[in-house]
Amino acid sequence: MSVIVVAEFPMTEQGAQDFIDWSKSDDGYVITRKHKGFEDIRTFLAEDKKTVYLYEKWDSKEDHQAYLNFRVENGLMDFLNPRLDGDFKVTYFSEE
């Protein structure tokens, strides 16, 4: 059964826009979609124009965590850290 992942990124307003632009680049979701277990990803920008939410669907929590580790090992935090305005949060859900 698939797992739903919701990630919340509190960012600066420019950081949120940078993230959205990155997601559309060749280094963004193009790579995400090729990862084992990937099913879907959607990006939402809150009314404050600073908080980005990702809605993701993966085959398993383990697949998502392997993907997240891949991103961290390949410099994701170097990109995110100067744009974040707090800690990001990842929550896992099961469809009932």
N, C-alpha and C. Protein backbone atom coordinates (compact mmCIF):
# COMPACT_ATOMS: atom_id res chain seq x y z
N MET A 1 0.84 -1.19 0.00
CA MET A 1 0.00 0.00 0.00
C MET A 1 0.88 1.25 0.00
N SER A 2 0.49 2.23 -0.75
CA SER A 2 1.26 3.47 -0.87
C SER A 2 1.27 4.25 0.44
N VAL A 3 2.27 5.12 0.53
CA VAL A 3 2.37 6.03 1.67
C VAL A 3 2.29 7.46 1.14
N ILE A 4 1.61 8.31 1.90
CA ILE A 4 1.51 9.72 1.57
C ILE A 4 2.51 10.47 2.44
N VAL A 5 3.23 11.39 1.83
CA VAL A 5 4.22 12.19 2.54
C VAL A 5 3.83 13.65 2.38
N VAL A 6 3.77 14.37 3.49
CA VAL A 6 3.55 15.81 3.44
C VAL A 6 4.77 16.46 4.08
N ALA A 7 5.43 17.30 3.31
CA ALA A 7 6.60 18.02 3.80
C ALA A 7 6.27 19.50 3.85
N GLU A 8 6.65 20.12 4.96
CA GLU A 8 6.38 21.55 5.17
C GLU A 8 7.71 22.28 5.29
N PHE A 9 7.89 23.29 4.45
CA PHE A 9 9.13 24.07 4.43
C PHE A 9 8.84 25.54 4.74
N PRO A 10 9.13 26.01 5.96
CA PRO A 10 8.99 27.44 6.23
C PRO A 10 10.20 28.17 5.64
N MET A 11 9.94 29.10 4.73
CA MET A 11 11.03 29.74 4.00
C MET A 11 10.85 31.25 3.99
N THR A 12 11.88 31.91 3.52
CA THR A 12 11.73 33.32 3.18
C THR A 12 10.88 33.37 1.91
N GLU A 13 10.32 34.51 1.61
CA GLU A 13 9.50 34.61 0.40
C GLU A 13 10.33 34.32 -0.84
N GLN A 14 11.55 34.87 -0.90
CA GLN A 14 12.43 34.59 -2.04
C GLN A 14 12.85 33.12 -2.05
N GLY A 15 13.08 32.56 -0.86
CA GLY A 15 13.46 31.16 -0.75
C GLY A 15 12.37 30.24 -1.30
N ALA A 16 11.11 30.57 -1.01
CA ALA A 16 10.00 29.77 -1.53
C ALA A 16 9.98 29.80 -3.05
N GLN A 17 10.18 30.98 -3.61
CA GLN A 17 10.19 31.09 -5.07
C GLN A 17 11.39 30.35 -5.66
N ASP A 18 12.55 30.46 -5.00
CA ASP A 18 13.73 29.72 -5.45
C ASP A 18 13.46 28.22 -5.46
N PHE A 19 12.80 27.72 -4.42
CA PHE A 19 12.49 26.29 -4.31
C PHE A 19 11.55 25.87 -5.43
N ILE A 20 10.53 26.65 -5.69
CA ILE A 20 9.58 26.32 -6.75
C ILE A 20 10.29 26.31 -8.10
N ASP A 21 11.15 27.29 -8.33
CA ASP A 21 11.92 27.32 -9.58
C ASP A 21 12.82 26.10 -9.69
N TRP A 22 13.49 25.74 -8.58
CA TRP A 22 14.36 24.56 -8.57
C TRP A 22 13.56 23.30 -8.89
N SER A 23 12.35 23.20 -8.32
CA SER A 23 11.55 21.98 -8.53
C SER A 23 11.24 21.75 -10.00
N LYS A 24 11.18 22.84 -10.77
CA LYS A 24 10.87 22.74 -12.20
C LYS A 24 12.13 22.57 -13.06
N SER A 25 13.29 22.63 -12.43
CA SER A 25 14.55 22.53 -13.18
C SER A 25 14.93 21.07 -13.42
N ASP A 26 15.99 20.87 -14.19
CA ASP A 26 16.48 19.52 -14.48
C ASP A 26 17.00 18.82 -13.23
N ASP A 27 17.34 19.57 -12.19
CA ASP A 27 17.82 18.98 -10.94
C ASP A 27 16.69 18.75 -9.95
N GLY A 28 15.48 19.18 -10.28
CA GLY A 28 14.34 19.11 -9.38
C GLY A 28 13.55 17.82 -9.53
N TYR A 29 12.28 17.98 -9.84
CA TYR A 29 11.37 16.83 -9.87
C TYR A 29 11.66 15.87 -11.03
N VAL A 30 12.43 16.30 -12.00
CA VAL A 30 12.84 15.39 -13.07
C VAL A 30 13.57 14.20 -12.44
N ILE A 31 14.45 14.49 -11.49
CA ILE A 31 15.20 13.43 -10.78
C ILE A 31 14.29 12.68 -9.83
N THR A 32 13.43 13.41 -9.13
CA THR A 32 12.50 12.79 -8.18
C THR A 32 11.66 11.72 -8.87
N ARG A 33 11.15 12.04 -10.04
CA ARG A 33 10.24 11.11 -10.74
C ARG A 33 10.94 9.83 -11.19
N LYS A 34 12.26 9.83 -11.26
CA LYS A 34 13.00 8.64 -11.68
C LYS A 34 13.35 7.72 -10.50
N HIS A 35 13.08 8.16 -9.29
CA HIS A 35 13.51 7.40 -8.12
C HIS A 35 12.59 6.21 -7.84
N LYS A 36 13.18 5.14 -7.33
CA LYS A 36 12.45 3.92 -7.00
C LYS A 36 11.31 4.24 -6.03
N GLY A 37 10.14 3.78 -6.36
CA GLY A 37 8.98 3.92 -5.48
C GLY A 37 8.18 5.20 -5.67
N PHE A 38 8.66 6.12 -6.51
CA PHE A 38 7.94 7.38 -6.71
C PHE A 38 6.61 7.14 -7.42
N GLU A 39 5.58 7.83 -6.94
CA GLU A 39 4.27 7.78 -7.59
C GLU A 39 3.77 9.17 -7.99
N ASP A 40 3.90 10.16 -7.11
CA ASP A 40 3.34 11.48 -7.41
C ASP A 40 3.98 12.53 -6.50
N ILE A 41 4.03 13.77 -6.98
CA ILE A 41 4.46 14.90 -6.16
C ILE A 41 3.73 16.14 -6.64
N ARG A 42 3.29 16.94 -5.67
CA ARG A 42 2.62 18.21 -5.96
C ARG A 42 3.16 19.26 -5.00
N THR A 43 3.27 20.47 -5.48
CA THR A 43 3.81 21.58 -4.69
C THR A 43 2.71 22.59 -4.43
N PHE A 44 2.62 23.05 -3.19
CA PHE A 44 1.63 24.05 -2.81
C PHE A 44 2.34 25.19 -2.09
N LEU A 45 1.94 26.42 -2.38
CA LEU A 45 2.47 27.60 -1.73
C LEU A 45 1.36 28.19 -0.87
N ALA A 46 1.64 28.35 0.43
CA ALA A 46 0.65 28.89 1.36
C ALA A 46 0.37 30.36 1.05
N GLU A 47 -0.72 30.87 1.60
CA GLU A 47 -1.11 32.26 1.38
C GLU A 47 -0.04 33.25 1.81
N ASP A 48 0.79 32.86 2.78
CA ASP A 48 1.85 33.77 3.25
C ASP A 48 2.97 33.94 2.23
N LYS A 49 2.92 33.15 1.16
CA LYS A 49 3.92 33.17 0.08
C LYS A 49 5.31 32.74 0.55
N LYS A 50 5.35 32.14 1.75
CA LYS A 50 6.65 31.74 2.32
C LYS A 50 6.70 30.27 2.71
N THR A 51 5.57 29.64 2.89
CA THR A 51 5.56 28.24 3.32
C THR A 51 5.22 27.36 2.14
N VAL A 52 6.13 26.43 1.85
CA VAL A 52 5.93 25.49 0.74
C VAL A 52 5.56 24.14 1.34
N TYR A 53 4.53 23.52 0.78
CA TYR A 53 4.12 22.18 1.17
C TYR A 53 4.29 21.26 -0.03
N LEU A 54 4.84 20.10 0.23
CA LEU A 54 4.91 19.06 -0.80
C LEU A 54 3.97 17.94 -0.41
N TYR A 55 3.16 17.51 -1.34
CA TYR A 55 2.32 16.34 -1.20
C TYR A 55 2.95 15.29 -2.09
N GLU A 56 3.37 14.20 -1.49
CA GLU A 56 4.04 13.16 -2.26
C GLU A 56 3.38 11.81 -2.02
N LYS A 57 3.48 10.95 -3.00
CA LYS A 57 2.98 9.58 -2.87
C LYS A 57 4.10 8.64 -3.31
N TRP A 58 4.42 7.69 -2.43
CA TRP A 58 5.50 6.74 -2.66
C TRP A 58 5.00 5.33 -2.40
N ASP A 59 5.70 4.36 -2.98
CA ASP A 59 5.35 2.95 -2.74
C ASP A 59 5.48 2.59 -1.27
N SER A 60 6.50 3.17 -0.60
CA SER A 60 6.72 2.86 0.81
C SER A 60 7.47 4.00 1.49
N LYS A 61 7.41 4.01 2.81
CA LYS A 61 8.16 4.99 3.59
C LYS A 61 9.66 4.81 3.35
N GLU A 62 10.09 3.58 3.24
CA GLU A 62 11.50 3.28 3.00
C GLU A 62 11.98 3.85 1.66
N ASP A 63 11.15 3.76 0.63
CA ASP A 63 11.51 4.34 -0.67
C ASP A 63 11.69 5.85 -0.55
N HIS A 64 10.77 6.49 0.16
CA HIS A 64 10.89 7.95 0.33
C HIS A 64 12.13 8.30 1.13
N GLN A 65 12.40 7.55 2.20
CA GLN A 65 13.57 7.86 3.02
C GLN A 65 14.87 7.63 2.25
N ALA A 66 14.91 6.63 1.39
CA ALA A 66 16.09 6.40 0.55
C ALA A 66 16.26 7.59 -0.41
N TYR A 67 15.16 8.06 -0.97
CA TYR A 67 15.20 9.22 -1.86
C TYR A 67 15.69 10.46 -1.10
N LEU A 68 15.14 10.69 0.09
CA LEU A 68 15.53 11.85 0.88
C LEU A 68 17.02 11.79 1.24
N ASN A 69 17.49 10.62 1.62
CA ASN A 69 18.92 10.45 1.91
C ASN A 69 19.77 10.74 0.67
N PHE A 70 19.33 10.29 -0.49
CA PHE A 70 20.02 10.58 -1.74
C PHE A 70 20.13 12.09 -1.95
N ARG A 71 19.02 12.79 -1.74
CA ARG A 71 19.02 14.25 -1.94
C ARG A 71 19.96 14.95 -0.95
N VAL A 72 19.91 14.53 0.31
CA VAL A 72 20.78 15.14 1.33
C VAL A 72 22.24 14.89 0.99
N GLU A 73 22.58 13.67 0.61
CA GLU A 73 23.96 13.32 0.26
C GLU A 73 24.45 14.08 -0.97
N ASN A 74 23.52 14.55 -1.79
CA ASN A 74 23.89 15.26 -3.02
C ASN A 74 23.66 16.76 -2.94
N GLY A 75 23.65 17.30 -1.71
CA GLY A 75 23.69 18.75 -1.53
C GLY A 75 22.38 19.47 -1.34
N LEU A 76 21.28 18.77 -1.11
CA LEU A 76 20.00 19.45 -0.94
C LEU A 76 20.03 20.47 0.20
N MET A 77 20.66 20.10 1.31
CA MET A 77 20.68 21.01 2.46
C MET A 77 21.51 22.26 2.18
N ASP A 78 22.52 22.15 1.33
CA ASP A 78 23.30 23.33 0.94
C ASP A 78 22.40 24.32 0.19
N PHE A 79 21.47 23.80 -0.57
CA PHE A 79 20.52 24.65 -1.28
C PHE A 79 19.45 25.20 -0.32
N LEU A 80 18.91 24.33 0.54
CA LEU A 80 17.79 24.72 1.40
C LEU A 80 18.18 25.65 2.55
N ASN A 81 19.27 25.35 3.23
CA ASN A 81 19.59 26.06 4.47
C ASN A 81 19.52 27.59 4.36
N PRO A 82 20.10 28.22 3.35
CA PRO A 82 20.02 29.68 3.32
C PRO A 82 18.61 30.21 3.00
N ARG A 83 17.72 29.34 2.56
CA ARG A 83 16.38 29.75 2.18
C ARG A 83 15.33 29.44 3.26
N LEU A 84 15.67 28.54 4.18
CA LEU A 84 14.74 28.15 5.23
C LEU A 84 14.62 29.24 6.29
N ASP A 85 13.41 29.35 6.85
CA ASP A 85 13.14 30.29 7.93
C ASP A 85 12.66 29.50 9.15
N GLY A 86 13.23 28.31 9.33
CA GLY A 86 12.84 27.39 10.41
C GLY A 86 13.12 25.97 9.95
N ASP A 87 12.81 25.01 10.80
CA ASP A 87 13.04 23.61 10.47
C ASP A 87 11.93 23.08 9.57
N PHE A 88 12.30 22.30 8.58
CA PHE A 88 11.28 21.67 7.75
C PHE A 88 10.80 20.40 8.43
N LYS A 89 9.62 19.98 8.08
CA LYS A 89 8.96 18.85 8.75
C LYS A 89 8.42 17.89 7.69
N VAL A 90 8.62 16.60 7.94
CA VAL A 90 8.11 15.56 7.04
C VAL A 90 7.19 14.66 7.86
N THR A 91 5.96 14.44 7.36
CA THR A 91 4.99 13.60 8.05
C THR A 91 4.52 12.51 7.08
N TYR A 92 4.41 11.30 7.58
CA TYR A 92 3.96 10.16 6.78
C TYR A 92 2.54 9.79 7.15
N PHE A 93 1.75 9.44 6.14
CA PHE A 93 0.35 9.06 6.33
C PHE A 93 0.08 7.77 5.56
N SER A 94 -0.82 6.97 6.08
CA SER A 94 -1.30 5.81 5.33
C SER A 94 -2.74 6.08 4.92
N GLU A 95 -3.09 5.61 3.75
CA GLU A 95 -4.47 5.76 3.29
C GLU A 95 -5.32 4.69 3.97
N GLU A 96 -6.40 5.10 4.53
CA GLU A 96 -7.30 4.18 5.26
C GLU A 96 -8.58 3.97 4.50
